[in-house]
Amino acid sequence: MNLEIPEFNSKIYLSYKTIGGKNNLDQLVNDAFRLTYKHTYKAEYINERDITTENRVYGLYYDVGGNAASAKQFFVTDSTHHFLRGALYFYAPPNADSLAPVVQFLQADMEHLVGTLKWR
C-alpha cells in the first residue's frame, strides 16, 4: 500500500510482509538495510534511530541526509509475524534544502503512523 500525499507531490511507499518461509526476519531486515544504504552515493549521512512502542512494534528509522532520493525510511516488526517497511519519496528533484520543511513535517506523520501501529 502506498500513501499518496498530493499537496506535497510525494508518496510514502509501504511494503508489508508476513514473516515465515522465504520471508525470514533476517532477510527482511537485510533487504531494508540494503535498500536504504543504496542511497549512500548521494547521501551526506544516514542516521539510524531505534523504534520501540508499547504495541510491540520494533525497528529502525533511517534519516538520510543530503540530496538522496528518499530522506526518510523505516522498518518495523513484531519479530515473529509482521514486517513493514516505509520510504518517503517526492516527485521532484531531491534538493534537500528546498524539501527540508516538508520532510520535517512528513517525518512527524511517519512517526505518528509507526507510533500508533498495532499488529492484528
PDB file of N, CA and C in Angstrom:
ATOM      1  N   MET A   1       0.855  -1.170   0.000  1.00  0.00           N
ATOM      2  CA  MET A   1       0.000   0.000   0.000  1.00  0.00           C
ATOM      3  C   MET A   1       0.897   1.227   0.000  1.00  0.00           C
ATOM      4  N   ASN A   2       0.485   2.225  -0.686  1.00  0.00           N
ATOM      5  CA  ASN A   2       1.226   3.469  -0.724  1.00  0.00           C
ATOM      6  C   ASN A   2       0.330   4.614  -0.294  1.00  0.00           C
ATOM      7  N   LEU A   3       0.889   5.557   0.431  1.00  0.00           N
ATOM      8  CA  LEU A   3       0.153   6.732   0.875  1.00  0.00           C
ATOM      9  C   LEU A   3       0.530   7.911  -0.011  1.00  0.00           C
ATOM     10  N   GLU A   4      -0.396   8.311  -0.883  1.00  0.00           N
ATOM     11  CA  GLU A   4      -0.176   9.461  -1.750  1.00  0.00           C
ATOM     12  C   GLU A   4      -0.397  10.733  -0.939  1.00  0.00           C
ATOM     13  N   ILE A   5       0.483  11.710  -1.130  1.00  0.00           N
ATOM     14  CA  ILE A   5       0.355  12.993  -0.450  1.00  0.00           C
ATOM     15  C   ILE A   5       0.424  14.068  -1.538  1.00  0.00           C
ATOM     16  N   PRO A   6      -0.696  14.279  -2.247  1.00  0.00           N
ATOM     17  CA  PRO A   6      -0.670  15.149  -3.421  1.00  0.00           C
ATOM     18  C   PRO A   6      -0.289  16.601  -3.125  1.00  0.00           C
ATOM     19  N   GLU A   7      -0.673  17.118  -1.936  1.00  0.00           N
ATOM     20  CA  GLU A   7      -0.342  18.521  -1.642  1.00  0.00           C
ATOM     21  C   GLU A   7       1.168  18.755  -1.516  1.00  0.00           C
ATOM     22  N   PHE A   8       1.940  17.690  -1.314  1.00  0.00           N
ATOM     23  CA  PHE A   8       3.395  17.802  -1.245  1.00  0.00           C
ATOM     24  C   PHE A   8       4.079  17.050  -2.378  1.00  0.00           C
ATOM     25  N   ASN A   9       3.280  16.595  -3.346  1.00  0.00           N
ATOM     26  CA  ASN A   9       3.830  15.898  -4.507  1.00  0.00           C
ATOM     27  C   ASN A   9       4.750  14.752  -4.072  1.00  0.00           C
ATOM     28  N   SER A  10       4.243  13.944  -3.131  1.00  0.00           N
ATOM     29  CA  SER A  10       5.059  12.888  -2.554  1.00  0.00           C
ATOM     30  C   SER A  10       4.238  11.631  -2.295  1.00  0.00           C
ATOM     31  N   LYS A  11       4.964  10.600  -1.875  1.00  0.00           N
ATOM     32  CA  LYS A  11       4.335   9.316  -1.596  1.00  0.00           C
ATOM     33  C   LYS A  11       5.170   8.594  -0.548  1.00  0.00           C
ATOM     34  N   ILE A  12       4.484   7.904   0.379  1.00  0.00           N
ATOM     35  CA  ILE A  12       5.167   7.001   1.296  1.00  0.00           C
ATOM     36  C   ILE A  12       4.869   5.594   0.807  1.00  0.00           C
ATOM     37  N   TYR A  13       5.906   4.934   0.324  1.00  0.00           N
ATOM     38  CA  TYR A  13       5.777   3.563  -0.156  1.00  0.00           C
ATOM     39  C   TYR A  13       5.816   2.636   1.054  1.00  0.00           C
ATOM     40  N   LEU A  14       4.821   1.791   1.191  1.00  0.00           N
ATOM     41  CA  LEU A  14       4.745   0.848   2.300  1.00  0.00           C
ATOM     42  C   LEU A  14       4.741  -0.569   1.752  1.00  0.00           C
ATOM     43  N   SER A  15       5.591  -1.410   2.318  1.00  0.00           N
ATOM     44  CA  SER A  15       5.658  -2.820   1.931  1.00  0.00           C
ATOM     45  C   SER A  15       5.469  -3.667   3.178  1.00  0.00           C
ATOM     46  N   TYR A  16       4.443  -4.516   3.154  1.00  0.00           N
ATOM     47  CA  TYR A  16       4.170  -5.406   4.281  1.00  0.00           C
ATOM     48  C   TYR A  16       4.495  -6.842   3.880  1.00  0.00           C
ATOM     49  N   LYS A  17       5.134  -7.556   4.770  1.00  0.00           N
ATOM     50  CA  LYS A  17       5.435  -8.977   4.555  1.00  0.00           C
ATOM     51  C   LYS A  17       5.074  -9.743   5.820  1.00  0.00           C
ATOM     52  N   THR A  18       4.516 -10.930   5.631  1.00  0.00           N
ATOM     53  CA  THR A  18       4.317 -11.850   6.744  1.00  0.00           C
ATOM     54  C   THR A  18       5.621 -12.618   6.925  1.00  0.00           C
ATOM     55  N   ILE A  19       6.120 -12.672   8.142  1.00  0.00           N
ATOM     56  CA  ILE A  19       7.366 -13.386   8.418  1.00  0.00           C
ATOM     57  C   ILE A  19       7.106 -14.883   8.387  1.00  0.00           C
ATOM     58  N   GLY A  20       7.947 -15.593   7.670  1.00  0.00           N
ATOM     59  CA  GLY A  20       7.831 -17.047   7.572  1.00  0.00           C
ATOM     60  C   GLY A  20       8.233 -17.509   6.196  1.00  0.00           C
ATOM     61  N   GLY A  21       8.656 -18.754   6.092  1.00  0.00           N
ATOM     62  CA  GLY A  21       9.067 -19.310   4.804  1.00  0.00           C
ATOM     63  C   GLY A  21      10.216 -18.529   4.214  1.00  0.00           C
ATOM     64  N   LYS A  22      10.047 -18.093   2.960  1.00  0.00           N
ATOM     65  CA  LYS A  22      11.114 -17.339   2.297  1.00  0.00           C
ATOM     66  C   LYS A  22      11.272 -15.933   2.867  1.00  0.00           C
ATOM     67  N   ASN A  23      10.306 -15.479   3.639  1.00  0.00           N
ATOM     68  CA  ASN A  23      10.376 -14.158   4.266  1.00  0.00           C
ATOM     69  C   ASN A  23      10.868 -14.278   5.700  1.00  0.00           C
ATOM     70  N   ASN A  24      12.093 -14.759   5.876  1.00  0.00           N
ATOM     71  CA  ASN A  24      12.598 -14.844   7.243  1.00  0.00           C
ATOM     72  C   ASN A  24      13.035 -13.455   7.701  1.00  0.00           C
ATOM     73  N   LEU A  25      12.970 -13.235   8.998  1.00  0.00           N
ATOM     74  CA  LEU A  25      13.214 -11.910   9.561  1.00  0.00           C
ATOM     75  C   LEU A  25      14.588 -11.366   9.188  1.00  0.00           C
ATOM     76  N   ASP A  26      15.622 -12.178   9.274  1.00  0.00           N
ATOM     77  CA  ASP A  26      16.967 -11.706   8.952  1.00  0.00           C
ATOM     78  C   ASP A  26      17.048 -11.186   7.515  1.00  0.00           C
ATOM     79  N   GLN A  27      16.430 -11.905   6.590  1.00  0.00           N
ATOM     80  CA  GLN A  27      16.463 -11.480   5.189  1.00  0.00           C
ATOM     81  C   GLN A  27      15.689 -10.178   4.987  1.00  0.00           C
ATOM     82  N   LEU A  28      14.533 -10.040   5.632  1.00  0.00           N
ATOM     83  CA  LEU A  28      13.740  -8.818   5.514  1.00  0.00           C
ATOM     84  C   LEU A  28      14.491  -7.617   6.072  1.00  0.00           C
ATOM     85  N   VAL A  29      15.141  -7.785   7.219  1.00  0.00           N
ATOM     86  CA  VAL A  29      15.927  -6.698   7.808  1.00  0.00           C
ATOM     87  C   VAL A  29      17.106  -6.355   6.903  1.00  0.00           C
ATOM     88  N   ASN A  30      17.792  -7.365   6.381  1.00  0.00           N
ATOM     89  CA  ASN A  30      18.912  -7.125   5.464  1.00  0.00           C
ATOM     90  C   ASN A  30      18.454  -6.388   4.209  1.00  0.00           C
ATOM     91  N   ASP A  31      17.286  -6.755   3.674  1.00  0.00           N
ATOM     92  CA  ASP A  31      16.754  -6.071   2.495  1.00  0.00           C
ATOM     93  C   ASP A  31      16.451  -4.605   2.800  1.00  0.00           C
ATOM     94  N   ALA A  32      15.858  -4.333   3.960  1.00  0.00           N
ATOM     95  CA  ALA A  32      15.555  -2.958   4.355  1.00  0.00           C
ATOM     96  C   ALA A  32      16.848  -2.147   4.482  1.00  0.00           C
ATOM     97  N   PHE A  33      17.855  -2.741   5.102  1.00  0.00           N
ATOM     98  CA  PHE A  33      19.162  -2.094   5.240  1.00  0.00           C
ATOM     99  C   PHE A  33      19.767  -1.819   3.861  1.00  0.00           C
ATOM    100  N   ARG A  34      19.761  -2.820   3.002  1.00  0.00           N
ATOM    101  CA  ARG A  34      20.338  -2.696   1.655  1.00  0.00           C
ATOM    102  C   ARG A  34      19.628  -1.607   0.853  1.00  0.00           C
ATOM    103  N   LEU A  35      18.290  -1.589   0.896  1.00  0.00           N
ATOM    104  CA  LEU A  35      17.537  -0.585   0.141  1.00  0.00           C
ATOM    105  C   LEU A  35      17.815   0.824   0.648  1.00  0.00           C
ATOM    106  N   THR A  36      17.956   0.978   1.947  1.00  0.00           N
ATOM    107  CA  THR A  36      18.276   2.300   2.497  1.00  0.00           C
ATOM    108  C   THR A  36      19.683   2.715   2.101  1.00  0.00           C
ATOM    109  N   TYR A  37      20.626   1.826   2.248  1.00  0.00           N
ATOM    110  CA  TYR A  37      22.022   2.186   2.004  1.00  0.00           C
ATOM    111  C   TYR A  37      22.376   2.251   0.516  1.00  0.00           C
ATOM    112  N   LYS A  38      21.433   1.943  -0.381  1.00  0.00           N
ATOM    113  CA  LYS A  38      21.646   2.201  -1.809  1.00  0.00           C
ATOM    114  C   LYS A  38      21.765   3.700  -2.067  1.00  0.00           C
ATOM    115  N   HIS A  39      21.255   4.502  -1.124  1.00  0.00           N
ATOM    116  CA  HIS A  39      21.273   5.954  -1.281  1.00  0.00           C
ATOM    117  C   HIS A  39      22.611   6.583  -0.873  1.00  0.00           C
ATOM    118  N   THR A  40      23.563   5.772  -0.453  1.00  0.00           N
ATOM    119  CA  THR A  40      24.824   6.320   0.074  1.00  0.00           C
ATOM    120  C   THR A  40      25.582   7.149  -0.956  1.00  0.00           C
ATOM    121  N   TYR A  41      25.442   6.839  -2.207  1.00  0.00           N
ATOM    122  CA  TYR A  41      26.202   7.595  -3.212  1.00  0.00           C
ATOM    123  C   TYR A  41      25.748   9.042  -3.290  1.00  0.00           C
ATOM    124  N   LYS A  42      24.519   9.361  -2.883  1.00  0.00           N
ATOM    125  CA  LYS A  42      24.027  10.736  -2.867  1.00  0.00           C
ATOM    126  C   LYS A  42      23.906  11.294  -1.447  1.00  0.00           C
ATOM    127  N   ALA A  43      23.817  10.419  -0.476  1.00  0.00           N
ATOM    128  CA  ALA A  43      23.580  10.851   0.904  1.00  0.00           C
ATOM    129  C   ALA A  43      24.841  11.446   1.527  1.00  0.00           C
ATOM    130  N   GLU A  44      24.647  12.477   2.337  1.00  0.00           N
ATOM    131  CA  GLU A  44      25.747  13.032   3.118  1.00  0.00           C
ATOM    132  C   GLU A  44      25.932  12.224   4.402  1.00  0.00           C
ATOM    133  N   TYR A  45      24.844  11.632   4.868  1.00  0.00           N
ATOM    134  CA  TYR A  45      24.881  10.785   6.066  1.00  0.00           C
ATOM    135  C   TYR A  45      23.621   9.931   6.103  1.00  0.00           C
ATOM    136  N   ILE A  46      23.675   8.868   6.875  1.00  0.00           N
ATOM    137  CA  ILE A  46      22.489   8.066   7.180  1.00  0.00           C
ATOM    138  C   ILE A  46      22.534   7.789   8.682  1.00  0.00           C
ATOM    139  N   ASN A  47      21.567   8.341   9.393  1.00  0.00           N
ATOM    140  CA  ASN A  47      21.458   8.115  10.838  1.00  0.00           C
ATOM    141  C   ASN A  47      20.347   7.110  11.102  1.00  0.00           C
ATOM    142  N   GLU A  48      20.598   6.231  12.036  1.00  0.00           N
ATOM    143  CA  GLU A  48      19.601   5.233  12.433  1.00  0.00           C
ATOM    144  C   GLU A  48      19.111   5.564  13.835  1.00  0.00           C
ATOM    145  N   ARG A  49      17.792   5.434  14.040  1.00  0.00           N
ATOM    146  CA  ARG A  49      17.196   5.619  15.370  1.00  0.00           C
ATOM    147  C   ARG A  49      16.318   4.417  15.659  1.00  0.00           C
ATOM    148  N   ASP A  50      16.443   3.886  16.858  1.00  0.00           N
ATOM    149  CA  ASP A  50      15.636   2.735  17.269  1.00  0.00           C
ATOM    150  C   ASP A  50      14.168   3.109  17.399  1.00  0.00           C
ATOM    151  N   ILE A  51      13.319   2.129  17.108  1.00  0.00           N
ATOM    152  CA  ILE A  51      11.882   2.252  17.300  1.00  0.00           C
ATOM    153  C   ILE A  51      11.460   1.168  18.284  1.00  0.00           C
ATOM    154  N   THR A  52      10.762   1.571  19.326  1.00  0.00           N
ATOM    155  CA  THR A  52      10.151   0.645  20.273  1.00  0.00           C
ATOM    156  C   THR A  52       8.872   1.310  20.770  1.00  0.00           C
ATOM    157  N   THR A  53       7.733   0.641  20.594  1.00  0.00           N
ATOM    158  CA  THR A  53       6.480   1.198  21.080  1.00  0.00           C
ATOM    159  C   THR A  53       5.827   0.234  22.063  1.00  0.00           C
ATOM    160  N   GLU A  54       4.826   0.719  22.765  1.00  0.00           N
ATOM    161  CA  GLU A  54       4.113  -0.129  23.724  1.00  0.00           C
ATOM    162  C   GLU A  54       3.259  -1.181  23.035  1.00  0.00           C
ATOM    163  N   ASN A  55       3.085  -1.081  21.727  1.00  0.00           N
ATOM    164  CA  ASN A  55       2.274  -2.037  20.968  1.00  0.00           C
ATOM    165  C   ASN A  55       3.108  -3.155  20.347  1.00  0.00           C
ATOM    166  N   ARG A  56       4.298  -3.416  20.900  1.00  0.00           N
ATOM    167  CA  ARG A  56       5.188  -4.463  20.387  1.00  0.00           C
ATOM    168  C   ARG A  56       5.625  -4.205  18.945  1.00  0.00           C
ATOM    169  N   VAL A  57       5.957  -2.964  18.669  1.00  0.00           N
ATOM    170  CA  VAL A  57       6.466  -2.558  17.366  1.00  0.00           C
ATOM    171  C   VAL A  57       7.920  -2.154  17.572  1.00  0.00           C
ATOM    172  N   TYR A  58       8.829  -2.818  16.840  1.00  0.00           N
ATOM    173  CA  TYR A  58      10.262  -2.596  16.984  1.00  0.00           C
ATOM    174  C   TYR A  58      10.872  -2.390  15.601  1.00  0.00           C
ATOM    175  N   GLY A  59      11.904  -1.583  15.526  1.00  0.00           N
ATOM    176  CA  GLY A  59      12.569  -1.397  14.246  1.00  0.00           C
ATOM    177  C   GLY A  59      13.528  -0.241  14.252  1.00  0.00           C
ATOM    178  N   LEU A  60      13.708   0.360  13.067  1.00  0.00           N
ATOM    179  CA  LEU A  60      14.636   1.474  12.890  1.00  0.00           C
ATOM    180  C   LEU A  60      14.038   2.528  11.981  1.00  0.00           C
ATOM    181  N   TYR A  61      14.292   3.796  12.339  1.00  0.00           N
ATOM    182  CA  TYR A  61      14.094   4.919  11.429  1.00  0.00           C
ATOM    183  C   TYR A  61      15.434   5.195  10.782  1.00  0.00           C
ATOM    184  N   TYR A  62      15.407   5.566   9.515  1.00  0.00           N
ATOM    185  CA  TYR A  62      16.609   5.997   8.820  1.00  0.00           C
ATOM    186  C   TYR A  62      16.405   7.443   8.385  1.00  0.00           C
ATOM    187  N   ASP A  63      17.284   8.327   8.826  1.00  0.00           N
ATOM    188  CA  ASP A  63      17.310   9.709   8.366  1.00  0.00           C
ATOM    189  C   ASP A  63      18.444   9.800   7.356  1.00  0.00           C
ATOM    190  N   VAL A  64      18.086  10.071   6.109  1.00  0.00           N
ATOM    191  CA  VAL A  64      19.067  10.094   5.027  1.00  0.00           C
ATOM    192  C   VAL A  64      19.298  11.547   4.635  1.00  0.00           C
ATOM    193  N   GLY A  65      20.494  12.056   4.929  1.00  0.00           N
ATOM    194  CA  GLY A  65      20.788  13.463   4.676  1.00  0.00           C
ATOM    195  C   GLY A  65      21.348  13.704   3.295  1.00  0.00           C
ATOM    196  N   GLY A  66      21.196  14.937   2.833  1.00  0.00           N
ATOM    197  CA  GLY A  66      21.706  15.315   1.521  1.00  0.00           C
ATOM    198  C   GLY A  66      20.650  15.148   0.450  1.00  0.00           C
ATOM    199  N   ASN A  67      21.098  15.099  -0.784  1.00  0.00           N
ATOM    200  CA  ASN A  67      20.191  15.057  -1.929  1.00  0.00           C
ATOM    201  C   ASN A  67      19.863  13.629  -2.365  1.00  0.00           C
ATOM    202  N   ALA A  68      19.587  12.779  -1.400  1.00  0.00           N
ATOM    203  CA  ALA A  68      19.197  11.401  -1.702  1.00  0.00           C
ATOM    204  C   ALA A  68      17.732  11.361  -2.126  1.00  0.00           C
ATOM    205  N   ALA A  69      17.368  10.340  -2.862  1.00  0.00           N
ATOM    206  CA  ALA A  69      16.001  10.216  -3.378  1.00  0.00           C
ATOM    207  C   ALA A  69      14.964  10.034  -2.273  1.00  0.00           C
ATOM    208  N   SER A  70      15.338   9.411  -1.173  1.00  0.00           N
ATOM    209  CA  SER A  70      14.406   9.158  -0.073  1.00  0.00           C
ATOM    210  C   SER A  70      15.044   9.592   1.240  1.00  0.00           C
ATOM    211  N   ALA A  71      14.543  10.681   1.816  1.00  0.00           N
ATOM    212  CA  ALA A  71      15.144  11.256   3.024  1.00  0.00           C
ATOM    213  C   ALA A  71      14.733  10.538   4.302  1.00  0.00           C
ATOM    214  N   LYS A  72      13.595   9.876   4.291  1.00  0.00           N
ATOM    215  CA  LYS A  72      13.083   9.211   5.490  1.00  0.00           C
ATOM    216  C   LYS A  72      12.632   7.808   5.136  1.00  0.00           C
ATOM    217  N   GLN A  73      13.118   6.839   5.913  1.00  0.00           N
ATOM    218  CA  GLN A  73      12.727   5.453   5.729  1.00  0.00           C
ATOM    219  C   GLN A  73      12.615   4.798   7.089  1.00  0.00           C
ATOM    220  N   PHE A  74      11.917   3.676   7.130  1.00  0.00           N
ATOM    221  CA  PHE A  74      11.823   2.924   8.374  1.00  0.00           C
ATOM    222  C   PHE A  74      11.472   1.480   8.072  1.00  0.00           C
ATOM    223  N   PHE A  75      11.711   0.623   9.049  1.00  0.00           N
ATOM    224  CA  PHE A  75      11.110  -0.707   9.044  1.00  0.00           C
ATOM    225  C   PHE A  75      10.710  -1.014  10.474  1.00  0.00           C
ATOM    226  N   VAL A  76       9.613  -1.759  10.611  1.00  0.00           N
ATOM    227  CA  VAL A  76       9.135  -2.185  11.923  1.00  0.00           C
ATOM    228  C   VAL A  76       8.656  -3.623  11.844  1.00  0.00           C
ATOM    229  N   THR A  77       8.691  -4.284  12.993  1.00  0.00           N
ATOM    230  CA  THR A  77       8.315  -5.689  13.060  1.00  0.00           C
ATOM    231  C   THR A  77       7.899  -6.033  14.477  1.00  0.00           C
ATOM    232  N   ASP A  78       7.221  -7.166  14.619  1.00  0.00           N
ATOM    233  CA  ASP A  78       6.990  -7.726  15.950  1.00  0.00           C
ATOM    234  C   ASP A  78       7.947  -8.897  16.173  1.00  0.00           C
ATOM    235  N   SER A  79       8.821  -9.154  15.221  1.00  0.00           N
ATOM    236  CA  SER A  79       9.873 -10.176  15.238  1.00  0.00           C
ATOM    237  C   SER A  79       9.382 -11.605  14.991  1.00  0.00           C
ATOM    238  N   THR A  80       8.058 -11.817  14.917  1.00  0.00           N
ATOM    239  CA  THR A  80       7.565 -13.181  14.721  1.00  0.00           C
ATOM    240  C   THR A  80       6.602 -13.327  13.542  1.00  0.00           C
ATOM    241  N   HIS A  81       5.747 -12.330  13.298  1.00  0.00           N
ATOM    242  CA  HIS A  81       4.728 -12.471  12.256  1.00  0.00           C
ATOM    243  C   HIS A  81       4.705 -11.345  11.223  1.00  0.00           C
ATOM    244  N   HIS A  82       4.991 -10.127  11.646  1.00  0.00           N
ATOM    245  CA  HIS A  82       4.745  -8.954  10.799  1.00  0.00           C
ATOM    246  C   HIS A  82       6.028  -8.163  10.528  1.00  0.00           C
ATOM    247  N   PHE A  83       6.111  -7.627   9.293  1.00  0.00           N
ATOM    248  CA  PHE A  83       7.232  -6.774   8.906  1.00  0.00           C
ATOM    249  C   PHE A  83       6.692  -5.702   7.967  1.00  0.00           C
ATOM    250  N   LEU A  84       6.970  -4.440   8.270  1.00  0.00           N
ATOM    251  CA  LEU A  84       6.507  -3.312   7.462  1.00  0.00           C
ATOM    252  C   LEU A  84       7.679  -2.386   7.199  1.00  0.00           C
ATOM    253  N   ARG A  85       7.848  -2.016   5.934  1.00  0.00           N
ATOM    254  CA  ARG A  85       8.900  -1.080   5.544  1.00  0.00           C
ATOM    255  C   ARG A  85       8.251   0.111   4.879  1.00  0.00           C
ATOM    256  N   GLY A  86       8.772   1.311   5.165  1.00  0.00           N
ATOM    257  CA  GLY A  86       8.249   2.529   4.555  1.00  0.00           C
ATOM    258  C   GLY A  86       9.364   3.423   4.068  1.00  0.00           C
ATOM    259  N   ALA A  87       9.108   4.144   2.972  1.00  0.00           N
ATOM    260  CA  ALA A  87      10.088   5.074   2.417  1.00  0.00           C
ATOM    261  C   ALA A  87       9.359   6.255   1.797  1.00  0.00           C
ATOM    262  N   LEU A  88       9.818   7.458   2.120  1.00  0.00           N
ATOM    263  CA  LEU A  88       9.234   8.694   1.612  1.00  0.00           C
ATOM    264  C   LEU A  88       9.967   9.121   0.348  1.00  0.00           C
ATOM    265  N   TYR A  89       9.195   9.367  -0.725  1.00  0.00           N
ATOM    266  CA  TYR A  89       9.745   9.850  -1.981  1.00  0.00           C
ATOM    267  C   TYR A  89       8.934  11.040  -2.460  1.00  0.00           C
ATOM    268  N   PHE A  90       9.611  11.945  -3.176  1.00  0.00           N
ATOM    269  CA  PHE A  90       8.965  13.105  -3.783  1.00  0.00           C
ATOM    270  C   PHE A  90       9.031  12.978  -5.294  1.00  0.00           C
ATOM    271  N   TYR A  91       8.016  13.516  -5.956  1.00  0.00           N
ATOM    272  CA  TYR A  91       8.019  13.570  -7.422  1.00  0.00           C
ATOM    273  C   TYR A  91       8.678  14.886  -7.832  1.00  0.00           C
ATOM    274  N   ALA A  92       9.908  15.059  -7.408  1.00  0.00           N
ATOM    275  CA  ALA A  92      10.670  16.281  -7.666  1.00  0.00           C
ATOM    276  C   ALA A  92      12.147  15.947  -7.505  1.00  0.00           C
ATOM    277  N   PRO A  93      13.012  16.776  -8.078  1.00  0.00           N
ATOM    278  CA  PRO A  93      14.442  16.541  -7.848  1.00  0.00           C
ATOM    279  C   PRO A  93      14.744  16.582  -6.345  1.00  0.00           C
ATOM    280  N   PRO A  94      15.589  15.703  -5.859  1.00  0.00           N
ATOM    281  CA  PRO A  94      15.856  15.620  -4.420  1.00  0.00           C
ATOM    282  C   PRO A  94      16.797  16.722  -3.928  1.00  0.00           C
ATOM    283  N   ASN A  95      16.291  17.937  -3.820  1.00  0.00           N
ATOM    284  CA  ASN A  95      17.064  19.055  -3.309  1.00  0.00           C
ATOM    285  C   ASN A  95      16.769  19.175  -1.816  1.00  0.00           C
ATOM    286  N   ALA A  96      17.705  18.750  -0.999  1.00  0.00           N
ATOM    287  CA  ALA A  96      17.498  18.672   0.452  1.00  0.00           C
ATOM    288  C   ALA A  96      17.113  20.017   1.059  1.00  0.00           C
ATOM    289  N   ASP A  97      17.736  21.099   0.622  1.00  0.00           N
ATOM    290  CA  ASP A  97      17.432  22.408   1.193  1.00  0.00           C
ATOM    291  C   ASP A  97      15.993  22.822   0.916  1.00  0.00           C
ATOM    292  N   SER A  98      15.539  22.624  -0.306  1.00  0.00           N
ATOM    293  CA  SER A  98      14.174  23.013  -0.677  1.00  0.00           C
ATOM    294  C   SER A  98      13.120  22.140  -0.013  1.00  0.00           C
ATOM    295  N   LEU A  99      13.420  20.854   0.122  1.00  0.00           N
ATOM    296  CA  LEU A  99      12.442  19.909   0.656  1.00  0.00           C
ATOM    297  C   LEU A  99      12.439  19.823   2.183  1.00  0.00           C
ATOM    298  N   ALA A 100      13.437  20.393   2.844  1.00  0.00           N
ATOM    299  CA  ALA A 100      13.600  20.230   4.290  1.00  0.00           C
ATOM    300  C   ALA A 100      12.339  20.519   5.107  1.00  0.00           C
ATOM    301  N   PRO A 101      11.620  21.622   4.886  1.00  0.00           N
ATOM    302  CA  PRO A 101      10.429  21.871   5.712  1.00  0.00           C
ATOM    303  C   PRO A 101       9.344  20.802   5.534  1.00  0.00           C
ATOM    304  N   VAL A 102       9.160  20.348   4.307  1.00  0.00           N
ATOM    305  CA  VAL A 102       8.145  19.336   4.036  1.00  0.00           C
ATOM    306  C   VAL A 102       8.588  17.987   4.599  1.00  0.00           C
ATOM    307  N   VAL A 103       9.864  17.665   4.470  1.00  0.00           N
ATOM    308  CA  VAL A 103      10.393  16.409   5.006  1.00  0.00           C
ATOM    309  C   VAL A 103      10.194  16.366   6.513  1.00  0.00           C
ATOM    310  N   GLN A 104      10.485  17.462   7.205  1.00  0.00           N
ATOM    311  CA  GLN A 104      10.291  17.508   8.659  1.00  0.00           C
ATOM    312  C   GLN A 104       8.821  17.335   9.018  1.00  0.00           C
ATOM    313  N   PHE A 105       7.950  17.969   8.266  1.00  0.00           N
ATOM    314  CA  PHE A 105       6.513  17.863   8.510  1.00  0.00           C
ATOM    315  C   PHE A 105       6.040  16.419   8.319  1.00  0.00           C
ATOM    316  N   LEU A 106       6.463  15.785   7.233  1.00  0.00           N
ATOM    317  CA  LEU A 106       6.044  14.413   6.949  1.00  0.00           C
ATOM    318  C   LEU A 106       6.723  13.404   7.867  1.00  0.00           C
ATOM    319  N   GLN A 107       7.902  13.729   8.374  1.00  0.00           N
ATOM    320  CA  GLN A 107       8.560  12.859   9.343  1.00  0.00           C
ATOM    321  C   GLN A 107       7.674  12.695  10.577  1.00  0.00           C
ATOM    322  N   ALA A 108       7.067  13.771  11.020  1.00  0.00           N
ATOM    323  CA  ALA A 108       6.170  13.697  12.183  1.00  0.00           C
ATOM    324  C   ALA A 108       4.996  12.768  11.887  1.00  0.00           C
ATOM    325  N   ASP A 109       4.464  12.832  10.673  1.00  0.00           N
ATOM    326  CA  ASP A 109       3.362  11.939  10.290  1.00  0.00           C
ATOM    327  C   ASP A 109       3.809  10.483  10.250  1.00  0.00           C
ATOM    328  N   MET A 110       5.001  10.230   9.720  1.00  0.00           N
ATOM    329  CA  MET A 110       5.514   8.862   9.662  1.00  0.00           C
ATOM    330  C   MET A 110       5.742   8.327  11.079  1.00  0.00           C
ATOM    331  N   GLU A 111       6.258   9.165  11.953  1.00  0.00           N
ATOM    332  CA  GLU A 111       6.482   8.742  13.336  1.00  0.00           C
ATOM    333  C   GLU A 111       5.149   8.471  14.040  1.00  0.00           C
ATOM    334  N   HIS A 112       4.128   9.250  13.724  1.00  0.00           N
ATOM    335  CA  HIS A 112       2.802   9.005  14.295  1.00  0.00           C
ATOM    336  C   HIS A 112       2.237   7.680  13.778  1.00  0.00           C
ATOM    337  N   LEU A 113       2.384   7.433  12.490  1.00  0.00           N
ATOM    338  CA  LEU A 113       1.915   6.179  11.902  1.00  0.00           C
ATOM    339  C   LEU A 113       2.559   4.991  12.617  1.00  0.00           C
ATOM    340  N   VAL A 114       3.869   5.027  12.780  1.00  0.00           N
ATOM    341  CA  VAL A 114       4.590   3.927  13.434  1.00  0.00           C
ATOM    342  C   VAL A 114       4.234   3.857  14.917  1.00  0.00           C
ATOM    343  N   GLY A 115       4.139   5.006  15.563  1.00  0.00           N
ATOM    344  CA  GLY A 115       3.861   5.039  16.992  1.00  0.00           C
ATOM    345  C   GLY A 115       2.488   4.545  17.379  1.00  0.00           C
ATOM    346  N   THR A 116       1.542   4.581  16.450  1.00  0.00           N
ATOM    347  CA  THR A 116       0.177   4.123  16.731  1.00  0.00           C
ATOM    348  C   THR A 116      -0.148   2.791  16.059  1.00  0.00           C
ATOM    349  N   LEU A 117       0.825   2.196  15.391  1.00  0.00           N
ATOM    350  CA  LEU A 117       0.625   0.917  14.699  1.00  0.00           C
ATOM    351  C   LEU A 117       0.341  -0.205  15.688  1.00  0.00           C
ATOM    352  N   LYS A 118      -0.664  -1.008  15.368  1.00  0.00           N
ATOM    353  CA  LYS A 118      -0.981  -2.205  16.162  1.00  0.00           C
ATOM    354  C   LYS A 118      -1.090  -3.382  15.207  1.00  0.00           C
ATOM    355  N   TRP A 119      -0.442  -4.459  15.552  1.00  0.00           N
ATOM    356  CA  TRP A 119      -0.498  -5.673  14.731  1.00  0.00           C
ATOM    357  C   TRP A 119      -1.784  -6.424  15.001  1.00  0.00           C
ATOM    358  N   ARG A 120      -2.333  -7.065  13.973  1.00  0.00           N
ATOM    359  CA  ARG A 120      -3.523  -7.924  14.135  1.00  0.00           C
ATOM    360  C   ARG A 120      -3.154  -9.355  13.896  1.00  0.00           C
TER     361      ARG A 120
END
